[in-house]
Amino acid sequence: MSDLRVVPENRALARRPHLIGLPTGYAALLVMATLFLTLSLRLVGAGLYVLGVGWGFGKLVTFYDPFAFEIVARNFRVPRVMVP
């Protein structure tokens, strides 16, 4: 008998696709804020700062917990205490 075993795919363990290493919604918000600052307001330094800080914060959060942004978004939508 062989020791090779087939492990079925589990969707809960699958990694979601990330844009620039961040969740898609957060990356889109970051890119749009940066583009707004740099192209509309002509604040290139502020746009680069927002991009750097936002990207660094996002990578730091997703480094420890890849689903942190989804958990935080779910906490805003679902009330913690159900009051009758």
PDB file of N, CA and C in Angstrom:
ATOM      1  N   MET A   1       0.835  -1.173   0.000  1.00  0.00           N
ATOM      2  CA  MET A   1       0.000   0.000   0.000  1.00  0.00           C
ATOM      3  C   MET A   1       0.884   1.242   0.000  1.00  0.00           C
ATOM      4  N   SER A   2       0.524   2.201  -0.810  1.00  0.00           N
ATOM      5  CA  SER A   2       1.308   3.420  -0.967  1.00  0.00           C
ATOM      6  C   SER A   2       0.968   4.432   0.133  1.00  0.00           C
ATOM      7  N   ASP A   3       1.953   5.248   0.498  1.00  0.00           N
ATOM      8  CA  ASP A   3       1.723   6.307   1.482  1.00  0.00           C
ATOM      9  C   ASP A   3       1.191   7.584   0.838  1.00  0.00           C
ATOM     10  N   LEU A   4       1.059   7.600  -0.471  1.00  0.00           N
ATOM     11  CA  LEU A   4       0.556   8.781  -1.151  1.00  0.00           C
ATOM     12  C   LEU A   4      -0.952   8.884  -0.953  1.00  0.00           C
ATOM     13  N   ARG A   5      -1.390  10.056  -0.543  1.00  0.00           N
ATOM     14  CA  ARG A   5      -2.813  10.271  -0.326  1.00  0.00           C
ATOM     15  C   ARG A   5      -3.243  11.517  -1.083  1.00  0.00           C
ATOM     16  N   VAL A   6      -4.458  11.489  -1.531  1.00  0.00           N
ATOM     17  CA  VAL A   6      -5.006  12.633  -2.250  1.00  0.00           C
ATOM     18  C   VAL A   6      -5.832  13.455  -1.273  1.00  0.00           C
ATOM     19  N   VAL A   7      -5.506  14.729  -1.183  1.00  0.00           N
ATOM     20  CA  VAL A   7      -6.246  15.626  -0.300  1.00  0.00           C
ATOM     21  C   VAL A   7      -7.239  16.388  -1.164  1.00  0.00           C
ATOM     22  N   PRO A   8      -8.530  16.291  -0.857  1.00  0.00           N
ATOM     23  CA  PRO A   8      -9.506  17.024  -1.657  1.00  0.00           C
ATOM     24  C   PRO A   8      -9.358  18.535  -1.469  1.00  0.00           C
ATOM     25  N   GLU A   9      -9.726  19.262  -2.498  1.00  0.00           N
ATOM     26  CA  GLU A   9      -9.619  20.721  -2.432  1.00  0.00           C
ATOM     27  C   GLU A   9     -10.630  21.267  -1.435  1.00  0.00           C
ATOM     28  N   ASN A  10     -10.179  22.190  -0.637  1.00  0.00           N
ATOM     29  CA  ASN A  10     -11.046  22.831   0.342  1.00  0.00           C
ATOM     30  C   ASN A  10     -11.063  24.316   0.031  1.00  0.00           C
ATOM     31  N   ARG A  11     -12.226  24.861  -0.314  1.00  0.00           N
ATOM     32  CA  ARG A  11     -12.315  26.271  -0.704  1.00  0.00           C
ATOM     33  C   ARG A  11     -11.989  27.205   0.449  1.00  0.00           C
ATOM     34  N   ALA A  12     -12.166  26.746   1.675  1.00  0.00           N
ATOM     35  CA  ALA A  12     -11.866  27.605   2.811  1.00  0.00           C
ATOM     36  C   ALA A  12     -10.372  27.885   2.912  1.00  0.00           C
ATOM     37  N   LEU A  13      -9.559  27.000   2.393  1.00  0.00           N
ATOM     38  CA  LEU A  13      -8.115  27.173   2.447  1.00  0.00           C
ATOM     39  C   LEU A  13      -7.568  27.873   1.216  1.00  0.00           C
ATOM     40  N   ALA A  14      -8.411  28.108   0.227  1.00  0.00           N
ATOM     41  CA  ALA A  14      -7.956  28.739  -1.011  1.00  0.00           C
ATOM     42  C   ALA A  14      -7.649  30.215  -0.746  1.00  0.00           C
ATOM     43  N   ARG A  15      -6.622  30.704  -1.379  1.00  0.00           N
ATOM     44  CA  ARG A  15      -6.260  32.116  -1.252  1.00  0.00           C
ATOM     45  C   ARG A  15      -6.988  32.914  -2.318  1.00  0.00           C
ATOM     46  N   ARG A  16      -7.542  34.030  -1.931  1.00  0.00           N
ATOM     47  CA  ARG A  16      -8.228  34.883  -2.885  1.00  0.00           C
ATOM     48  C   ARG A  16      -7.209  35.701  -3.663  1.00  0.00           C
ATOM     49  N   PRO A  17      -7.517  36.011  -4.913  1.00  0.00           N
ATOM     50  CA  PRO A  17      -6.563  36.804  -5.700  1.00  0.00           C
ATOM     51  C   PRO A  17      -6.461  38.232  -5.153  1.00  0.00           C
ATOM     52  N   HIS A  18      -5.244  38.727  -5.030  1.00  0.00           N
ATOM     53  CA  HIS A  18      -5.009  40.063  -4.506  1.00  0.00           C
ATOM     54  C   HIS A  18      -4.310  40.898  -5.568  1.00  0.00           C
ATOM     55  N   LEU A  19      -4.680  42.157  -5.624  1.00  0.00           N
ATOM     56  CA  LEU A  19      -4.071  43.106  -6.533  1.00  0.00           C
ATOM     57  C   LEU A  19      -2.993  43.856  -5.767  1.00  0.00           C
ATOM     58  N   ILE A  20      -1.794  43.871  -6.240  1.00  0.00           N
ATOM     59  CA  ILE A  20      -0.596  44.437  -5.600  1.00  0.00           C
ATOM     60  C   ILE A  20      -0.435  43.953  -4.162  1.00  0.00           C
ATOM     61  N   GLY A  21      -0.837  42.724  -3.917  1.00  0.00           N
ATOM     62  CA  GLY A  21      -0.676  42.132  -2.597  1.00  0.00           C
ATOM     63  C   GLY A  21      -1.736  42.530  -1.590  1.00  0.00           C
ATOM     64  N   LEU A  22      -2.753  43.268  -2.027  1.00  0.00           N
ATOM     65  CA  LEU A  22      -3.812  43.731  -1.139  1.00  0.00           C
ATOM     66  C   LEU A  22      -5.153  43.238  -1.665  1.00  0.00           C
ATOM     67  N   PRO A  23      -6.168  43.169  -0.809  1.00  0.00           N
ATOM     68  CA  PRO A  23      -7.506  42.819  -1.298  1.00  0.00           C
ATOM     69  C   PRO A  23      -7.963  43.811  -2.364  1.00  0.00           C
ATOM     70  N   THR A  24      -8.771  43.357  -3.285  1.00  0.00           N
ATOM     71  CA  THR A  24      -9.129  44.148  -4.460  1.00  0.00           C
ATOM     72  C   THR A  24      -9.792  45.475  -4.089  1.00  0.00           C
ATOM     73  N   GLY A  25     -10.739  45.473  -3.168  1.00  0.00           N
ATOM     74  CA  GLY A  25     -11.420  46.710  -2.792  1.00  0.00           C
ATOM     75  C   GLY A  25     -10.485  47.731  -2.172  1.00  0.00           C
ATOM     76  N   TYR A  26      -9.608  47.278  -1.289  1.00  0.00           N
ATOM     77  CA  TYR A  26      -8.657  48.179  -0.648  1.00  0.00           C
ATOM     78  C   TYR A  26      -7.652  48.714  -1.661  1.00  0.00           C
ATOM     79  N   ALA A  27      -7.184  47.864  -2.565  1.00  0.00           N
ATOM     80  CA  ALA A  27      -6.233  48.308  -3.586  1.00  0.00           C
ATOM     81  C   ALA A  27      -6.881  49.320  -4.517  1.00  0.00           C
ATOM     82  N   ALA A  28      -8.133  49.096  -4.897  1.00  0.00           N
ATOM     83  CA  ALA A  28      -8.825  50.040  -5.778  1.00  0.00           C
ATOM     84  C   ALA A  28      -9.009  51.389  -5.079  1.00  0.00           C
ATOM     85  N   LEU A  29      -9.390  51.375  -3.801  1.00  0.00           N
ATOM     86  CA  LEU A  29      -9.544  52.615  -3.046  1.00  0.00           C
ATOM     87  C   LEU A  29      -8.215  53.357  -2.944  1.00  0.00           C
ATOM     88  N   LEU A  30      -7.155  52.635  -2.705  1.00  0.00           N
ATOM     89  CA  LEU A  30      -5.830  53.237  -2.580  1.00  0.00           C
ATOM     90  C   LEU A  30      -5.375  53.858  -3.899  1.00  0.00           C
ATOM     91  N   VAL A  31      -5.564  53.146  -4.998  1.00  0.00           N
ATOM     92  CA  VAL A  31      -5.160  53.656  -6.313  1.00  0.00           C
ATOM     93  C   VAL A  31      -6.004  54.870  -6.698  1.00  0.00           C
ATOM     94  N   MET A  32      -7.314  54.820  -6.451  1.00  0.00           N
ATOM     95  CA  MET A  32      -8.177  55.949  -6.802  1.00  0.00           C
ATOM     96  C   MET A  32      -7.849  57.186  -5.966  1.00  0.00           C
ATOM     97  N   ALA A  33      -7.566  57.012  -4.676  1.00  0.00           N
ATOM     98  CA  ALA A  33      -7.190  58.156  -3.839  1.00  0.00           C
ATOM     99  C   ALA A  33      -5.874  58.759  -4.310  1.00  0.00           C
ATOM    100  N   THR A  34      -4.937  57.909  -4.675  1.00  0.00           N
ATOM    101  CA  THR A  34      -3.652  58.394  -5.165  1.00  0.00           C
ATOM    102  C   THR A  34      -3.814  59.134  -6.484  1.00  0.00           C
ATOM    103  N   LEU A  35      -4.585  58.564  -7.397  1.00  0.00           N
ATOM    104  CA  LEU A  35      -4.805  59.228  -8.683  1.00  0.00           C
ATOM    105  C   LEU A  35      -5.551  60.548  -8.513  1.00  0.00           C
ATOM    106  N   PHE A  36      -6.516  60.606  -7.604  1.00  0.00           N
ATOM    107  CA  PHE A  36      -7.240  61.850  -7.365  1.00  0.00           C
ATOM    108  C   PHE A  36      -6.306  62.935  -6.850  1.00  0.00           C
ATOM    109  N   LEU A  37      -5.453  62.579  -5.894  1.00  0.00           N
ATOM    110  CA  LEU A  37      -4.523  63.567  -5.347  1.00  0.00           C
ATOM    111  C   LEU A  37      -3.526  64.049  -6.389  1.00  0.00           C
ATOM    112  N   THR A  38      -2.993  63.118  -7.174  1.00  0.00           N
ATOM    113  CA  THR A  38      -1.926  63.501  -8.106  1.00  0.00           C
ATOM    114  C   THR A  38      -2.456  64.160  -9.378  1.00  0.00           C
ATOM    115  N   LEU A  39      -3.542  63.675  -9.939  1.00  0.00           N
ATOM    116  CA  LEU A  39      -4.014  64.206 -11.214  1.00  0.00           C
ATOM    117  C   LEU A  39      -4.985  65.376 -11.049  1.00  0.00           C
ATOM    118  N   SER A  40      -5.899  65.298 -10.115  1.00  0.00           N
ATOM    119  CA  SER A  40      -6.891  66.361  -9.969  1.00  0.00           C
ATOM    120  C   SER A  40      -6.371  67.533  -9.141  1.00  0.00           C
ATOM    121  N   LEU A  41      -5.762  67.245  -8.021  1.00  0.00           N
ATOM    122  CA  LEU A  41      -5.308  68.309  -7.129  1.00  0.00           C
ATOM    123  C   LEU A  41      -3.850  68.692  -7.348  1.00  0.00           C
ATOM    124  N   ARG A  42      -3.150  67.958  -8.189  1.00  0.00           N
ATOM    125  CA  ARG A  42      -1.732  68.197  -8.511  1.00  0.00           C
ATOM    126  C   ARG A  42      -0.837  68.182  -7.266  1.00  0.00           C
ATOM    127  N   LEU A  43      -1.151  67.277  -6.354  1.00  0.00           N
ATOM    128  CA  LEU A  43      -0.350  67.086  -5.147  1.00  0.00           C
ATOM    129  C   LEU A  43       0.393  65.752  -5.269  1.00  0.00           C
ATOM    130  N   VAL A  44       1.472  65.765  -6.013  1.00  0.00           N
ATOM    131  CA  VAL A  44       2.199  64.528  -6.302  1.00  0.00           C
ATOM    132  C   VAL A  44       2.830  63.956  -5.040  1.00  0.00           C
ATOM    133  N   GLY A  45       3.418  64.811  -4.217  1.00  0.00           N
ATOM    134  CA  GLY A  45       4.042  64.336  -2.984  1.00  0.00           C
ATOM    135  C   GLY A  45       3.031  63.703  -2.039  1.00  0.00           C
ATOM    136  N   ALA A  46       1.873  64.338  -1.909  1.00  0.00           N
ATOM    137  CA  ALA A  46       0.829  63.786  -1.037  1.00  0.00           C
ATOM    138  C   ALA A  46       0.303  62.469  -1.591  1.00  0.00           C
ATOM    139  N   GLY A  47       0.171  62.381  -2.914  1.00  0.00           N
ATOM    140  CA  GLY A  47      -0.287  61.135  -3.527  1.00  0.00           C
ATOM    141  C   GLY A  47       0.683  59.996  -3.303  1.00  0.00           C
ATOM    142  N   LEU A  48       1.971  60.287  -3.458  1.00  0.00           N
ATOM    143  CA  LEU A  48       2.975  59.245  -3.221  1.00  0.00           C
ATOM    144  C   LEU A  48       3.018  58.850  -1.746  1.00  0.00           C
ATOM    145  N   TYR A  49       2.810  59.824  -0.860  1.00  0.00           N
ATOM    146  CA  TYR A  49       2.781  59.518   0.574  1.00  0.00           C
ATOM    147  C   TYR A  49       1.591  58.621   0.913  1.00  0.00           C
ATOM    148  N   VAL A  50       0.419  58.952   0.396  1.00  0.00           N
ATOM    149  CA  VAL A  50      -0.774  58.138   0.648  1.00  0.00           C
ATOM    150  C   VAL A  50      -0.581  56.740   0.090  1.00  0.00           C
ATOM    151  N   LEU A  51      -0.008  56.648  -1.097  1.00  0.00           N
ATOM    152  CA  LEU A  51       0.260  55.332  -1.691  1.00  0.00           C
ATOM    153  C   LEU A  51       1.231  54.525  -0.837  1.00  0.00           C
ATOM    154  N   GLY A  52       2.313  55.140  -0.407  1.00  0.00           N
ATOM    155  CA  GLY A  52       3.308  54.422   0.394  1.00  0.00           C
ATOM    156  C   GLY A  52       2.781  53.988   1.751  1.00  0.00           C
ATOM    157  N   VAL A  53       2.118  54.901   2.442  1.00  0.00           N
ATOM    158  CA  VAL A  53       1.596  54.573   3.775  1.00  0.00           C
ATOM    159  C   VAL A  53       0.461  53.558   3.670  1.00  0.00           C
ATOM    160  N   GLY A  54      -0.432  53.765   2.711  1.00  0.00           N
ATOM    161  CA  GLY A  54      -1.557  52.837   2.538  1.00  0.00           C
ATOM    162  C   GLY A  54      -1.101  51.451   2.136  1.00  0.00           C
ATOM    163  N   TRP A  55      -0.149  51.380   1.233  1.00  0.00           N
ATOM    164  CA  TRP A  55       0.358  50.084   0.799  1.00  0.00           C
ATOM    165  C   TRP A  55       1.111  49.406   1.940  1.00  0.00           C
ATOM    166  N   GLY A  56       1.924  50.166   2.655  1.00  0.00           N
ATOM    167  CA  GLY A  56       2.660  49.590   3.786  1.00  0.00           C
ATOM    168  C   GLY A  56       1.733  49.073   4.872  1.00  0.00           C
ATOM    169  N   PHE A  57       0.701  49.862   5.212  1.00  0.00           N
ATOM    170  CA  PHE A  57      -0.266  49.431   6.220  1.00  0.00           C
ATOM    171  C   PHE A  57      -1.024  48.188   5.753  1.00  0.00           C
ATOM    172  N   GLY A  58      -1.427  48.185   4.499  1.00  0.00           N
ATOM    173  CA  GLY A  58      -2.156  47.027   3.963  1.00  0.00           C
ATOM    174  C   GLY A  58      -1.310  45.766   3.941  1.00  0.00           C
ATOM    175  N   LYS A  59      -0.056  45.885   3.540  1.00  0.00           N
ATOM    176  CA  LYS A  59       0.836  44.717   3.535  1.00  0.00           C
ATOM    177  C   LYS A  59       1.106  44.234   4.956  1.00  0.00           C
ATOM    178  N   LEU A  60       1.227  45.158   5.905  1.00  0.00           N
ATOM    179  CA  LEU A  60       1.461  44.777   7.293  1.00  0.00           C
ATOM    180  C   LEU A  60       0.265  44.011   7.852  1.00  0.00           C
ATOM    181  N   VAL A  61      -0.930  44.502   7.571  1.00  0.00           N
ATOM    182  CA  VAL A  61      -2.136  43.843   8.083  1.00  0.00           C
ATOM    183  C   VAL A  61      -2.321  42.476   7.426  1.00  0.00           C
ATOM    184  N   THR A  62      -2.176  42.391   6.112  1.00  0.00           N
ATOM    185  CA  THR A  62      -2.391  41.108   5.435  1.00  0.00           C
ATOM    186  C   THR A  62      -1.226  40.142   5.635  1.00  0.00           C
ATOM    187  N   PHE A  63      -0.077  40.621   6.098  1.00  0.00           N
ATOM    188  CA  PHE A  63       1.029  39.712   6.387  1.00  0.00           C
ATOM    189  C   PHE A  63       0.681  38.804   7.565  1.00  0.00           C
ATOM    190  N   TYR A  64       0.062  39.379   8.596  1.00  0.00           N
ATOM    191  CA  TYR A  64      -0.295  38.597   9.769  1.00  0.00           C
ATOM    192  C   TYR A  64      -1.612  37.857   9.608  1.00  0.00           C
ATOM    193  N   ASP A  65      -2.577  38.457   8.906  1.00  0.00           N
ATOM    194  CA  ASP A  65      -3.883  37.828   8.719  1.00  0.00           C
ATOM    195  C   ASP A  65      -4.409  38.187   7.331  1.00  0.00           C
ATOM    196  N   PRO A  66      -4.372  37.243   6.367  1.00  0.00           N
ATOM    197  CA  PRO A  66      -4.790  37.564   5.001  1.00  0.00           C
ATOM    198  C   PRO A  66      -6.266  37.944   4.888  1.00  0.00           C
ATOM    199  N   PHE A  67      -7.082  37.601   5.872  1.00  0.00           N
ATOM    200  CA  PHE A  67      -8.511  37.887   5.799  1.00  0.00           C
ATOM    201  C   PHE A  67      -8.916  39.007   6.756  1.00  0.00           C
ATOM    202  N   ALA A  68      -7.976  39.811   7.224  1.00  0.00           N
ATOM    203  CA  ALA A  68      -8.275  40.855   8.206  1.00  0.00           C
ATOM    204  C   ALA A  68      -9.239  41.893   7.654  1.00  0.00           C
ATOM    205  N   PHE A  69      -9.065  42.302   6.397  1.00  0.00           N
ATOM    206  CA  PHE A  69      -9.945  43.314   5.826  1.00  0.00           C
ATOM    207  C   PHE A  69     -11.375  42.792   5.715  1.00  0.00           C
ATOM    208  N   GLU A  70     -11.548  41.524   5.387  1.00  0.00           N
ATOM    209  CA  GLU A  70     -12.890  40.948   5.285  1.00  0.00           C
ATOM    210  C   GLU A  70     -13.543  40.834   6.662  1.00  0.00           C
ATOM    211  N   ILE A  71     -12.755  40.517   7.670  1.00  0.00           N
ATOM    212  CA  ILE A  71     -13.297  40.412   9.029  1.00  0.00           C
ATOM    213  C   ILE A  71     -13.730  41.785   9.529  1.00  0.00           C
ATOM    214  N   VAL A  72     -12.934  42.808   9.278  1.00  0.00           N
ATOM    215  CA  VAL A  72     -13.289  44.159   9.707  1.00  0.00           C
ATOM    216  C   VAL A  72     -14.536  44.637   8.972  1.00  0.00           C
ATOM    217  N   ALA A  73     -14.623  44.383   7.674  1.00  0.00           N
ATOM    218  CA  ALA A  73     -15.804  44.793   6.913  1.00  0.00           C
ATOM    219  C   ALA A  73     -17.051  44.063   7.411  1.00  0.00           C
ATOM    220  N   ARG A  74     -16.927  42.812   7.765  1.00  0.00           N
ATOM    221  CA  ARG A  74     -18.066  42.054   8.282  1.00  0.00           C
ATOM    222  C   ARG A  74     -18.494  42.583   9.654  1.00  0.00           C
ATOM    223  N   ASN A  75     -17.550  43.029  10.474  1.00  0.00           N
ATOM    224  CA  ASN A  75     -17.899  43.581  11.788  1.00  0.00           C
ATOM    225  C   ASN A  75     -18.683  44.879  11.666  1.00  0.00           C
ATOM    226  N   PHE A  76     -18.457  45.652  10.618  1.00  0.00           N
ATOM    227  CA  PHE A  76     -19.227  46.876  10.416  1.00  0.00           C
ATOM    228  C   PHE A  76     -20.651  46.576   9.969  1.00  0.00           C
ATOM    229  N   ARG A  77     -20.859  45.478   9.236  1.00  0.00           N
ATOM    230  CA  ARG A  77     -22.184  45.149   8.707  1.00  0.00           C
ATOM    231  C   ARG A  77     -23.054  44.396   9.690  1.00  0.00           C
ATOM    232  N   VAL A  78     -22.472  43.517  10.490  1.00  0.00           N
ATOM    233  CA  VAL A  78     -23.240  42.664  11.390  1.00  0.00           C
ATOM    234  C   VAL A  78     -23.199  43.248  12.796  1.00  0.00           C
ATOM    235  N   PRO A  79     -24.351  43.522  13.402  1.00  0.00           N
ATOM    236  CA  PRO A  79     -24.332  44.081  14.759  1.00  0.00           C
ATOM    237  C   PRO A  79     -23.850  43.035  15.766  1.00  0.00           C
ATOM    238  N   ARG A  80     -23.151  43.508  16.787  1.00  0.00           N
ATOM    239  CA  ARG A  80     -22.623  42.584  17.795  1.00  0.00           C
ATOM    240  C   ARG A  80     -23.685  42.164  18.787  1.00  0.00           C
ATOM    241  N   VAL A  81     -24.611  43.069  19.121  1.00  0.00           N
ATOM    242  CA  VAL A  81     -25.667  42.771  20.081  1.00  0.00           C
ATOM    243  C   VAL A  81     -27.006  42.967  19.383  1.00  0.00           C
ATOM    244  N   MET A  82     -27.822  41.948  19.424  1.00  0.00           N
ATOM    245  CA  MET A  82     -29.158  42.038  18.821  1.00  0.00           C
ATOM    246  C   MET A  82     -30.125  42.532  19.885  1.00  0.00           C
ATOM    247  N   VAL A  83     -30.639  43.741  19.729  1.00  0.00           N
ATOM    248  CA  VAL A  83     -31.560  44.339  20.680  1.00  0.00           C
ATOM    249  C   VAL A  83     -32.986  44.160  20.149  1.00  0.00           C
ATOM    250  N   PRO A  84     -33.886  43.617  20.970  1.00  0.00           N
ATOM    251  CA  PRO A  84     -35.268  43.421  20.461  1.00  0.00           C
ATOM    252  C   PRO A  84     -36.044  44.703  20.381  1.00  0.00           C
TER     253      PRO A  84
END
